[in-house]
N, C-alpha and C. Protein backbone atom coordinates (compact mmCIF):
# COMPACT_ATOMS: atom_id res chain seq x y z
N MET A 1 -8.33 4.09 2.55
CA MET A 1 -7.84 4.20 1.35
C MET A 1 -7.18 2.78 1.32
N ALA A 2 -7.31 2.52 0.05
CA ALA A 2 -6.68 1.20 -0.51
C ALA A 2 -5.23 1.41 -1.20
N TRP A 3 -4.33 0.77 -0.86
CA TRP A 3 -2.85 0.80 -1.39
C TRP A 3 -2.41 -0.52 -1.78
N LEU A 4 -2.21 -0.67 -3.16
CA LEU A 4 -2.04 -1.92 -3.66
C LEU A 4 -0.29 -1.86 -3.91
N ILE A 5 0.27 -2.94 -3.21
CA ILE A 5 1.85 -3.07 -3.16
C ILE A 5 1.85 -4.55 -4.20
N VAL A 6 2.71 -4.38 -5.44
CA VAL A 6 2.94 -5.37 -6.16
C VAL A 6 4.55 -5.47 -6.13
N SER A 7 5.15 -6.76 -5.60
CA SER A 7 6.60 -6.52 -5.57
C SER A 7 6.99 -7.92 -6.12
N GLU A 8 8.11 -7.93 -7.00
CA GLU A 8 8.87 -9.02 -7.55
C GLU A 8 9.82 -9.37 -6.56
N ASP A 9 10.34 -10.78 -6.20
CA ASP A 9 11.26 -11.12 -5.40
C ASP A 9 12.63 -10.54 -5.96
N ALA A 10 13.59 -10.35 -5.18
CA ALA A 10 14.76 -9.94 -5.69
C ALA A 10 15.49 -11.14 -6.13
N SER A 11 16.67 -11.23 -6.82
CA SER A 11 17.25 -12.44 -7.37
C SER A 11 17.77 -13.45 -6.41
N ASN A 12 17.85 -13.39 -5.29
CA ASN A 12 18.28 -14.11 -4.24
C ASN A 12 16.86 -14.35 -3.36
N GLY A 13 15.73 -14.25 -4.00
CA GLY A 13 14.40 -14.31 -3.33
C GLY A 13 14.16 -15.93 -3.20
N ALA A 14 14.55 -16.75 -3.72
CA ALA A 14 14.39 -18.07 -3.34
C ALA A 14 15.25 -18.59 -1.92
N ALA A 15 16.39 -18.09 -1.84
CA ALA A 15 17.01 -18.50 -0.72
C ALA A 15 16.65 -17.50 0.52
N ILE A 16 16.13 -16.41 0.32
CA ILE A 16 15.61 -15.53 1.40
C ILE A 16 14.14 -16.35 1.79
N ARG A 17 13.45 -16.97 0.75
CA ARG A 17 12.34 -17.61 1.42
C ARG A 17 12.55 -18.65 1.79
N ALA A 18 13.63 -19.72 1.51
CA ALA A 18 13.90 -20.57 2.26
C ALA A 18 14.27 -20.61 3.91
N ASP A 19 14.43 -19.44 4.35
CA ASP A 19 14.79 -19.14 5.55
C ASP A 19 13.73 -19.06 6.54
N ASP A 20 13.33 -20.20 7.23
CA ASP A 20 12.30 -20.20 7.89
C ASP A 20 12.31 -19.07 9.20
N ARG A 21 13.20 -18.56 9.74
CA ARG A 21 13.17 -17.58 10.67
C ARG A 21 12.39 -16.23 10.05
N VAL A 22 13.10 -15.84 8.92
CA VAL A 22 12.49 -14.78 7.92
C VAL A 22 11.25 -14.87 7.71
N MET A 23 10.67 -16.03 7.14
CA MET A 23 9.11 -16.29 6.51
C MET A 23 8.45 -16.26 7.63
N GLU A 24 8.56 -16.87 8.83
CA GLU A 24 8.08 -16.80 10.20
C GLU A 24 7.71 -15.45 10.68
N ALA A 25 8.66 -14.57 10.74
CA ALA A 25 8.81 -13.33 11.08
C ALA A 25 7.92 -12.44 10.57
N HIS A 26 7.77 -12.67 9.07
CA HIS A 26 7.22 -12.14 8.00
C HIS A 26 5.62 -12.66 8.09
N TRP A 27 5.35 -13.67 8.55
CA TRP A 27 4.06 -14.20 8.69
C TRP A 27 3.51 -13.79 10.02
N GLN A 28 4.31 -13.30 11.03
CA GLN A 28 3.59 -12.98 12.43
C GLN A 28 3.63 -11.40 12.20
N TYR A 29 4.26 -10.74 11.51
CA TYR A 29 4.00 -9.45 11.00
C TYR A 29 2.66 -9.16 10.44
N GLU A 30 2.53 -10.00 9.44
CA GLU A 30 1.18 -9.96 8.57
C GLU A 30 0.09 -10.22 9.73
N CYS A 31 0.42 -11.11 10.19
CA CYS A 31 -1.02 -11.71 11.31
C CYS A 31 -1.07 -10.55 12.40
N ALA A 32 -0.14 -9.82 12.73
CA ALA A 32 -0.27 -8.83 13.77
C ALA A 32 -0.89 -7.53 13.09
N HIS A 33 -0.90 -7.66 11.85
CA HIS A 33 -1.49 -6.32 11.33
C HIS A 33 -2.76 -6.58 10.37
N ARG A 34 -3.32 -7.58 10.70
CA ARG A 34 -4.56 -7.90 9.93
C ARG A 34 -5.89 -7.14 9.82
N ALA A 35 -5.58 -6.11 10.89
CA ALA A 35 -6.55 -4.85 10.82
C ALA A 35 -6.54 -3.93 9.55
N VAL A 36 -5.18 -3.91 9.11
CA VAL A 36 -4.99 -2.89 7.78
C VAL A 36 -4.72 -4.04 6.52
N ILE A 37 -4.58 -5.01 6.71
CA ILE A 37 -4.25 -5.91 5.46
C ILE A 37 -5.80 -6.24 4.92
N LEU A 38 -6.02 -5.88 3.71
CA LEU A 38 -7.31 -6.33 2.82
C LEU A 38 -7.03 -7.64 2.12
N LEU A 39 -5.76 -7.91 1.84
CA LEU A 39 -5.24 -9.01 0.78
C LEU A 39 -3.93 -9.11 1.02
N ALA A 40 -3.25 -10.27 1.05
CA ALA A 40 -2.08 -10.64 1.16
C ALA A 40 -1.85 -11.91 0.43
N GLY A 41 -0.68 -12.02 -0.21
CA GLY A 41 -0.37 -13.36 -1.01
C GLY A 41 0.76 -13.35 -1.74
N SER A 42 1.23 -14.51 -2.12
CA SER A 42 2.61 -14.71 -2.80
C SER A 42 2.12 -14.56 -4.42
N LEU A 43 2.99 -14.00 -5.30
CA LEU A 43 2.70 -14.19 -6.76
C LEU A 43 3.46 -15.51 -6.97
N ARG A 44 3.04 -16.17 -8.20
CA ARG A 44 3.68 -17.78 -8.53
C ARG A 44 3.66 -17.96 -9.82
N ARG A 45 4.56 -18.49 -10.34
CA ARG A 45 4.58 -18.96 -11.87
C ARG A 45 3.25 -19.88 -11.97
N ASP A 46 3.27 -20.08 -13.65
CA ASP A 46 2.20 -21.05 -13.74
C ASP A 46 1.89 -22.50 -13.43
N ASP A 47 3.14 -22.70 -12.62
CA ASP A 47 3.27 -24.14 -11.98
C ASP A 47 2.75 -23.99 -10.71
N LEU A 48 2.16 -22.96 -10.19
CA LEU A 48 1.35 -22.92 -9.06
C LEU A 48 1.96 -22.90 -7.86
N GLU A 49 3.51 -23.31 -8.03
CA GLU A 49 4.28 -23.54 -6.94
C GLU A 49 5.39 -22.51 -6.53
N THR A 50 5.98 -22.11 -7.75
CA THR A 50 7.50 -21.33 -7.68
C THR A 50 7.02 -19.88 -7.45
N LYS A 51 7.31 -19.71 -6.13
CA LYS A 51 6.91 -18.08 -5.73
C LYS A 51 8.02 -17.00 -6.47
N THR A 52 7.34 -15.96 -6.92
CA THR A 52 8.05 -15.05 -7.58
C THR A 52 7.86 -13.57 -7.09
N GLY A 53 6.98 -13.49 -6.21
CA GLY A 53 6.72 -11.94 -5.66
C GLY A 53 5.69 -12.14 -4.58
N SER A 54 4.98 -10.99 -4.57
CA SER A 54 3.88 -10.88 -3.53
C SER A 54 3.15 -9.72 -3.75
N VAL A 55 1.79 -9.66 -3.32
CA VAL A 55 0.83 -8.45 -3.48
C VAL A 55 0.28 -8.27 -2.14
N LEU A 56 -0.08 -7.12 -1.87
CA LEU A 56 -0.62 -6.61 -0.43
C LEU A 56 -1.97 -5.50 -0.99
N LEU A 57 -2.78 -5.68 -0.18
CA LEU A 57 -3.68 -4.32 -0.40
C LEU A 57 -4.07 -3.96 1.16
N LEU A 58 -3.74 -2.78 1.34
CA LEU A 58 -3.64 -2.28 2.49
C LEU A 58 -4.71 -1.23 2.58
N ASP A 59 -5.14 -0.99 3.95
CA ASP A 59 -6.44 -0.01 4.35
C ASP A 59 -5.55 1.07 5.11
N LEU A 60 -4.78 1.98 4.33
CA LEU A 60 -4.29 2.85 5.33
C LEU A 60 -4.38 4.31 4.64
N GLU A 61 -4.22 5.34 5.27
CA GLU A 61 -4.49 6.57 5.22
C GLU A 61 -3.74 7.13 4.00
N THR A 62 -2.33 6.90 4.08
CA THR A 62 -1.59 7.62 3.31
C THR A 62 -0.72 6.84 2.47
N ARG A 63 0.03 7.26 1.22
CA ARG A 63 1.23 6.46 0.70
C ARG A 63 2.45 6.15 1.57
N GLU A 64 2.48 7.18 2.42
CA GLU A 64 3.72 7.07 3.33
C GLU A 64 3.34 6.09 4.33
N ASP A 65 2.12 5.84 4.82
CA ASP A 65 1.74 4.73 5.75
C ASP A 65 2.04 3.45 5.16
N ALA A 66 1.62 3.31 3.76
CA ALA A 66 1.98 2.06 3.08
C ALA A 66 3.30 1.67 2.93
N GLU A 67 4.25 2.92 2.62
CA GLU A 67 5.56 2.63 2.37
C GLU A 67 6.10 2.15 3.70
N ARG A 68 5.87 2.78 4.71
CA ARG A 68 6.19 2.57 5.88
C ARG A 68 6.08 1.06 6.58
N PHE A 69 4.68 0.70 6.30
CA PHE A 69 4.39 -0.89 6.60
C PHE A 69 5.09 -1.86 5.62
N PHE A 70 5.27 -1.48 4.42
CA PHE A 70 6.09 -2.44 3.57
C PHE A 70 7.55 -2.32 3.99
N ALA A 71 8.22 -1.31 4.31
CA ALA A 71 9.43 -1.12 4.64
C ALA A 71 9.77 -2.11 6.00
N ASP A 72 8.85 -1.84 6.92
CA ASP A 72 9.00 -2.61 8.28
C ASP A 72 8.83 -4.18 8.28
N ASP A 73 8.16 -4.59 7.20
CA ASP A 73 7.97 -6.03 7.05
C ASP A 73 9.40 -6.67 6.98
N PRO A 74 9.57 -7.84 8.07
CA PRO A 74 10.76 -8.48 8.32
C PRO A 74 11.30 -9.22 6.71
N ALA A 75 10.48 -9.50 5.92
CA ALA A 75 10.96 -10.01 4.46
C ALA A 75 11.43 -8.93 3.75
N THR A 76 10.89 -7.49 3.89
CA THR A 76 11.21 -6.72 3.03
C THR A 76 12.78 -6.17 3.80
N LYS A 77 12.99 -6.14 5.04
CA LYS A 77 14.09 -5.98 5.72
C LYS A 77 15.08 -7.07 5.38
N ALA A 78 14.95 -8.26 5.29
CA ALA A 78 15.86 -9.21 4.85
C ALA A 78 16.34 -9.16 3.42
N GLY A 79 15.68 -8.39 2.68
CA GLY A 79 16.21 -8.21 1.33
C GLY A 79 15.37 -9.19 0.17
N LEU A 80 14.03 -9.61 0.73
CA LEU A 80 13.30 -10.31 -0.42
C LEU A 80 12.92 -9.65 -1.50
N ARG A 81 12.50 -8.37 -1.12
CA ARG A 81 11.89 -7.54 -2.22
C ARG A 81 12.74 -7.03 -3.26
N GLY A 82 12.42 -7.18 -4.72
CA GLY A 82 12.94 -6.82 -5.77
C GLY A 82 12.20 -5.31 -6.31
N ALA A 83 11.93 -5.38 -7.49
CA ALA A 83 11.30 -4.31 -8.07
C ALA A 83 9.74 -4.17 -7.36
N THR A 84 9.25 -2.98 -6.97
CA THR A 84 7.88 -2.85 -6.30
C THR A 84 7.45 -1.60 -6.78
N GLU A 85 6.02 -1.77 -6.92
CA GLU A 85 5.18 -0.71 -7.42
C GLU A 85 3.89 -0.43 -6.39
N ILE A 86 4.00 0.65 -5.79
CA ILE A 86 2.73 1.11 -5.00
C ILE A 86 2.12 2.09 -5.57
N ARG A 87 0.59 1.64 -5.63
CA ARG A 87 -0.38 2.34 -6.18
C ARG A 87 -1.90 2.64 -5.24
N TRP A 88 -2.42 3.96 -5.39
CA TRP A 88 -3.80 3.92 -4.89
C TRP A 88 -4.60 3.13 -5.67
N LEU A 89 -5.62 2.42 -4.89
CA LEU A 89 -6.59 1.60 -5.68
C LEU A 89 -7.93 2.30 -5.17
N ASN A 90 -8.73 2.38 -5.97
CA ASN A 90 -10.08 2.71 -5.99
C ASN A 90 -11.11 1.62 -6.17
N PRO A 91 -11.23 0.66 -4.99
CA PRO A 91 -11.93 -0.83 -5.47
C PRO A 91 -13.37 -0.31 -5.80
N ALA A 92 -13.92 -1.22 -6.91
CA ALA A 92 -15.17 -1.25 -7.11
C ALA A 92 -15.87 -2.23 -6.70
N ILE A 93 -15.17 -3.64 -6.70
CA ILE A 93 -15.68 -4.77 -5.98
C ILE A 93 -14.60 -5.03 -5.04
N LEU A 94 -15.19 -5.38 -3.77
CA LEU A 94 -14.04 -5.88 -2.58
C LEU A 94 -14.44 -7.01 -1.79
N ASP A 95 -13.96 -8.08 -1.85
CA ASP A 95 -14.70 -9.01 -1.12
C ASP A 95 -15.85 -9.46 -1.33
N ARG A 96 -16.11 -9.49 -2.99
CA ARG A 96 -17.22 -9.76 -3.55
C ARG A 96 -18.52 -8.89 -3.46
N ARG A 97 -17.90 -7.58 -2.88
CA ARG A 97 -19.22 -6.91 -2.46
C ARG A 97 -18.90 -5.35 -3.38
N VAL A 98 -19.93 -4.87 -3.86
CA VAL A 98 -19.76 -3.68 -4.40
C VAL A 98 -19.44 -2.51 -3.57
N GLN A 99 -18.57 -1.69 -3.86
CA GLN A 99 -18.10 -0.52 -2.93
C GLN A 99 -18.86 0.66 -3.55
N ASP A 100 -19.11 1.67 -2.50
CA ASP A 100 -19.61 2.88 -2.77
C ASP A 100 -18.38 3.81 -3.73
């Protein structure tokens, strides 16, 4: 099942993103879990540089699994996340392929 997680950065997000230790731990966490990550990336302003949030698409069985995955992310634990929405997604096209 595909779970879409969209989160805005907390008000102190820029400072947390500037912490190389936090962001390296976040990157290692995502790399270690590539088997369940269908898509991961930062959301940015139209200047294409200023990071404002993140998006994840996870292949996990339940919403609880998605919530746990997100909560265990070192960036989440460090307080990077602000307003967050988790929704089940029924992909029609994924990785340029039509899904059944």
